[in-house]
């Protein structure tokens, strides 16, 4: 009986520590300041002067969205960012509409690479689709 009470006490203390640690982490992530000194959004990405988030694709966890500007290397070797919207392409209402749009696209599509300000173009990124499509 004593062992059972001790085990319950240890598990309770452990749960409280985990909850407090999680709360501290979330508070610090949400209170991060962006470039212009304003509080950040619900992501852990830095925010540029235009209010766009920037960072690596896939550096986000559950419940968080990816950055507006995704880290990329331009064909000229410059490291910058591409708009996430340019990577995704347009939204389609039906699979047929998506297939029609896809069939009209070139094998390679060029999109601009920007500085983290999201406006200064420093190169281009080539998106290629497999030749079998």
C-alpha atoms as a PDB file:
ATOM      1  CA  UNK A   1       0.000   0.000   0.000  1.00  0.00           C
ATOM      2  CA  UNK A   2       2.882   2.356   0.888  1.00  0.00           C
ATOM      3  CA  UNK A   3       4.547   1.621  -2.462  1.00  0.00           C
ATOM      4  CA  UNK A   4       1.329   2.407  -4.311  1.00  0.00           C
ATOM      5  CA  UNK A   5       0.982   5.798  -2.543  1.00  0.00           C
ATOM      6  CA  UNK A   6       4.636   6.613  -3.212  1.00  0.00           C
ATOM      7  CA  UNK A   7       4.245   5.719  -6.884  1.00  0.00           C
ATOM      8  CA  UNK A   8       1.149   7.925  -7.196  1.00  0.00           C
ATOM      9  CA  UNK A   9       3.002  10.815  -5.527  1.00  0.00           C
ATOM     10  CA  UNK A  10       6.009  10.455  -7.881  1.00  0.00           C
ATOM     11  CA  UNK A  11       3.769  10.281 -10.958  1.00  0.00           C
ATOM     12  CA  UNK A  12       1.806  13.339  -9.823  1.00  0.00           C
ATOM     13  CA  UNK A  13       4.978  15.365  -9.265  1.00  0.00           C
ATOM     14  CA  UNK A  14       6.335  14.273 -12.656  1.00  0.00           C
ATOM     15  CA  UNK A  15       3.093  15.320 -14.399  1.00  0.00           C
ATOM     16  CA  UNK A  16       3.202  18.755 -12.722  1.00  0.00           C
ATOM     17  CA  UNK A  17       6.836  19.288 -13.785  1.00  0.00           C
ATOM     18  CA  UNK A  18       6.021  18.325 -17.387  1.00  0.00           C
ATOM     19  CA  UNK A  19       3.023  20.669 -17.499  1.00  0.00           C
ATOM     20  CA  UNK A  20       5.005  23.590 -16.071  1.00  0.00           C
ATOM     21  CA  UNK A  21       7.923  22.972 -18.443  1.00  0.00           C
ATOM     22  CA  UNK A  22       5.570  22.883 -21.426  1.00  0.00           C
ATOM     23  CA  UNK A  23       3.907  26.117 -20.352  1.00  0.00           C
ATOM     24  CA  UNK A  24       7.257  27.881 -20.018  1.00  0.00           C
ATOM     25  CA  UNK A  25       8.339  26.689 -23.476  1.00  0.00           C
ATOM     26  CA  UNK A  26       5.088  27.834 -25.103  1.00  0.00           C
ATOM     27  CA  UNK A  27       5.244  31.232 -23.376  1.00  0.00           C
ATOM     28  CA  UNK A  28       8.833  31.810 -24.506  1.00  0.00           C
ATOM     29  CA  UNK A  29       7.996  30.819 -28.097  1.00  0.00           C
ATOM     30  CA  UNK A  30       4.965  33.100 -28.218  1.00  0.00           C
ATOM     31  CA  UNK A  31       6.778  36.063 -26.689  1.00  0.00           C
ATOM     32  CA  UNK A  32       9.692  36.007 -29.140  1.00  0.00           C
ATOM     33  CA  UNK A  33      10.268  39.389 -30.726  1.00  0.00           C
ATOM     34  CA  UNK A  34      10.499  39.831 -34.488  1.00  0.00           C
ATOM     35  CA  UNK A  35      12.800  42.229 -36.377  1.00  0.00           C
ATOM     36  CA  UNK A  36      10.801  45.374 -35.683  1.00  0.00           C
ATOM     37  CA  UNK A  37      10.435  44.628 -31.956  1.00  0.00           C
ATOM     38  CA  UNK A  38       6.788  43.563 -32.086  1.00  0.00           C
ATOM     39  CA  UNK A  39       5.645  40.302 -30.565  1.00  0.00           C
ATOM     40  CA  UNK A  40       5.726  37.361 -32.968  1.00  0.00           C
ATOM     41  CA  UNK A  41       2.819  35.284 -34.229  1.00  0.00           C
ATOM     42  CA  UNK A  42       1.896  31.738 -33.200  1.00  0.00           C
ATOM     43  CA  UNK A  43       4.953  30.381 -34.998  1.00  0.00           C
ATOM     44  CA  UNK A  44       8.555  30.206 -33.918  1.00  0.00           C
ATOM     45  CA  UNK A  45       9.734  31.845 -37.154  1.00  0.00           C
ATOM     46  CA  UNK A  46      11.298  35.288 -37.316  1.00  0.00           C
ATOM     47  CA  UNK A  47       9.136  37.950 -38.961  1.00  0.00           C
ATOM     48  CA  UNK A  48      10.432  40.509 -41.486  1.00  0.00           C
ATOM     49  CA  UNK A  49       9.448  44.188 -41.720  1.00  0.00           C
ATOM     50  CA  UNK A  50       6.568  43.287 -44.096  1.00  0.00           C
ATOM     51  CA  UNK A  51       5.097  40.878 -41.523  1.00  0.00           C
ATOM     52  CA  UNK A  52       6.126  37.731 -43.423  1.00  0.00           C
ATOM     53  CA  UNK A  53       7.600  34.788 -41.540  1.00  0.00           C
ATOM     54  CA  UNK A  54      10.740  33.188 -42.945  1.00  0.00           C
ATOM     55  CA  UNK A  55      12.655  29.976 -42.329  1.00  0.00           C
ATOM     56  CA  UNK A  56      13.268  26.392 -43.421  1.00  0.00           C
ATOM     57  CA  UNK A  57      10.462  24.314 -44.894  1.00  0.00           C
ATOM     58  CA  UNK A  58       9.315  21.664 -42.429  1.00  0.00           C
ATOM     59  CA  UNK A  59      10.727  23.364 -39.310  1.00  0.00           C
ATOM     60  CA  UNK A  60       7.339  23.489 -37.683  1.00  0.00           C
ATOM     61  CA  UNK A  61       5.426  21.198 -35.398  1.00  0.00           C
ATOM     62  CA  UNK A  62       1.825  20.275 -34.810  1.00  0.00           C
ATOM     63  CA  UNK A  63      -0.541  23.195 -34.930  1.00  0.00           C
ATOM     64  CA  UNK A  64       1.983  25.564 -36.471  1.00  0.00           C
ATOM     65  CA  UNK A  65       2.029  26.677 -40.072  1.00  0.00           C
ATOM     66  CA  UNK A  66       5.098  26.890 -42.270  1.00  0.00           C
ATOM     67  CA  UNK A  67       6.832  30.177 -43.063  1.00  0.00           C
ATOM     68  CA  UNK A  68       5.630  32.600 -45.737  1.00  0.00           C
ATOM     69  CA  UNK A  69       9.173  32.671 -47.147  1.00  0.00           C
ATOM     70  CA  UNK A  70      10.922  29.303 -47.434  1.00  0.00           C
ATOM     71  CA  UNK A  71      14.713  28.989 -47.416  1.00  0.00           C
ATOM     72  CA  UNK A  72      16.063  28.105 -50.883  1.00  0.00           C
ATOM     73  CA  UNK A  73      19.204  28.215 -52.991  1.00  0.00           C
ATOM     74  CA  UNK A  74      18.988  30.124 -56.268  1.00  0.00           C
ATOM     75  CA  UNK A  75      20.501  28.824 -59.505  1.00  0.00           C
ATOM     76  CA  UNK A  76      23.279  31.419 -59.090  1.00  0.00           C
ATOM     77  CA  UNK A  77      24.197  29.938 -55.679  1.00  0.00           C
ATOM     78  CA  UNK A  78      22.653  32.764 -53.651  1.00  0.00           C
ATOM     79  CA  UNK A  79      20.833  31.698 -50.507  1.00  0.00           C
ATOM     80  CA  UNK A  80      17.485  33.385 -50.010  1.00  0.00           C
ATOM     81  CA  UNK A  81      13.789  32.659 -49.760  1.00  0.00           C
ATOM     82  CA  UNK A  82      10.947  31.704 -52.101  1.00  0.00           C
ATOM     83  CA  UNK A  83       7.315  32.468 -51.428  1.00  0.00           C
ATOM     84  CA  UNK A  84       5.528  29.432 -50.033  1.00  0.00           C
ATOM     85  CA  UNK A  85       2.557  30.352 -52.240  1.00  0.00           C
ATOM     86  CA  UNK A  86       4.806  30.109 -55.341  1.00  0.00           C
ATOM     87  CA  UNK A  87       5.871  26.597 -54.312  1.00  0.00           C
ATOM     88  CA  UNK A  88       2.280  25.443 -53.871  1.00  0.00           C
ATOM     89  CA  UNK A  89       0.725  26.842 -57.039  1.00  0.00           C
ATOM     90  CA  UNK A  90      -2.957  27.765 -57.291  1.00  0.00           C
ATOM     91  CA  UNK A  91      -5.780  26.046 -55.443  1.00  0.00           C
ATOM     92  CA  UNK A  92      -8.047  23.879 -57.590  1.00  0.00           C
ATOM     93  CA  UNK A  93     -11.675  23.036 -56.936  1.00  0.00           C
ATOM     94  CA  UNK A  94     -11.641  19.614 -58.600  1.00  0.00           C
ATOM     95  CA  UNK A  95      -9.082  16.948 -59.511  1.00  0.00           C
ATOM     96  CA  UNK A  96      -9.940  17.520 -63.166  1.00  0.00           C
ATOM     97  CA  UNK A  97      -9.122  21.220 -62.859  1.00  0.00           C
ATOM     98  CA  UNK A  98      -5.799  20.338 -61.200  1.00  0.00           C
ATOM     99  CA  UNK A  99      -4.911  17.873 -63.975  1.00  0.00           C
ATOM    100  CA  UNK A 100      -5.774  20.414 -66.656  1.00  0.00           C
ATOM    101  CA  UNK A 101      -3.595  23.052 -64.978  1.00  0.00           C
ATOM    102  CA  UNK A 102      -0.756  20.557 -64.575  1.00  0.00           C
ATOM    103  CA  UNK A 103      -0.869  19.528 -68.259  1.00  0.00           C
ATOM    104  CA  UNK A 104      -0.465  23.186 -69.274  1.00  0.00           C
ATOM    105  CA  UNK A 105       2.672  23.696 -67.189  1.00  0.00           C
ATOM    106  CA  UNK A 106       6.186  23.561 -68.588  1.00  0.00           C
ATOM    107  CA  UNK A 107       8.574  20.878 -67.351  1.00  0.00           C
ATOM    108  CA  UNK A 108      10.551  23.550 -65.491  1.00  0.00           C
ATOM    109  CA  UNK A 109       9.061  26.566 -63.766  1.00  0.00           C
ATOM    110  CA  UNK A 110      11.140  29.491 -62.509  1.00  0.00           C
ATOM    111  CA  UNK A 111      10.181  31.349 -59.350  1.00  0.00           C
ATOM    112  CA  UNK A 112      12.027  34.311 -57.815  1.00  0.00           C
ATOM    113  CA  UNK A 113      14.366  33.971 -54.838  1.00  0.00           C
ATOM    114  CA  UNK A 114      14.192  36.919 -52.444  1.00  0.00           C
ATOM    115  CA  UNK A 115      16.181  38.376 -49.592  1.00  0.00           C
ATOM    116  CA  UNK A 116      14.413  37.890 -46.255  1.00  0.00           C
ATOM    117  CA  UNK A 117      12.610  41.196 -46.876  1.00  0.00           C
ATOM    118  CA  UNK A 118      10.405  39.353 -49.392  1.00  0.00           C
ATOM    119  CA  UNK A 119      10.825  42.018 -52.084  1.00  0.00           C
ATOM    120  CA  UNK A 120      14.486  42.135 -53.150  1.00  0.00           C
ATOM    121  CA  UNK A 121      15.013  39.487 -55.863  1.00  0.00           C
ATOM    122  CA  UNK A 122      18.475  37.884 -55.733  1.00  0.00           C
ATOM    123  CA  UNK A 123      18.022  34.953 -58.122  1.00  0.00           C
ATOM    124  CA  UNK A 124      15.678  32.283 -59.380  1.00  0.00           C
ATOM    125  CA  UNK A 125      14.684  28.816 -58.241  1.00  0.00           C
ATOM    126  CA  UNK A 126      13.778  26.207 -60.846  1.00  0.00           C
ATOM    127  CA  UNK A 127      10.946  23.845 -59.984  1.00  0.00           C
ATOM    128  CA  UNK A 128      11.013  20.714 -62.135  1.00  0.00           C
ATOM    129  CA  UNK A 129       8.368  18.057 -62.435  1.00  0.00           C
ATOM    130  CA  UNK A 130       9.197  14.464 -63.290  1.00  0.00           C
ATOM    131  CA  UNK A 131       9.360  13.842 -67.044  1.00  0.00           C
ATOM    132  CA  UNK A 132       6.879  10.933 -66.798  1.00  0.00           C
ATOM    133  CA  UNK A 133       3.963  13.217 -65.908  1.00  0.00           C
END
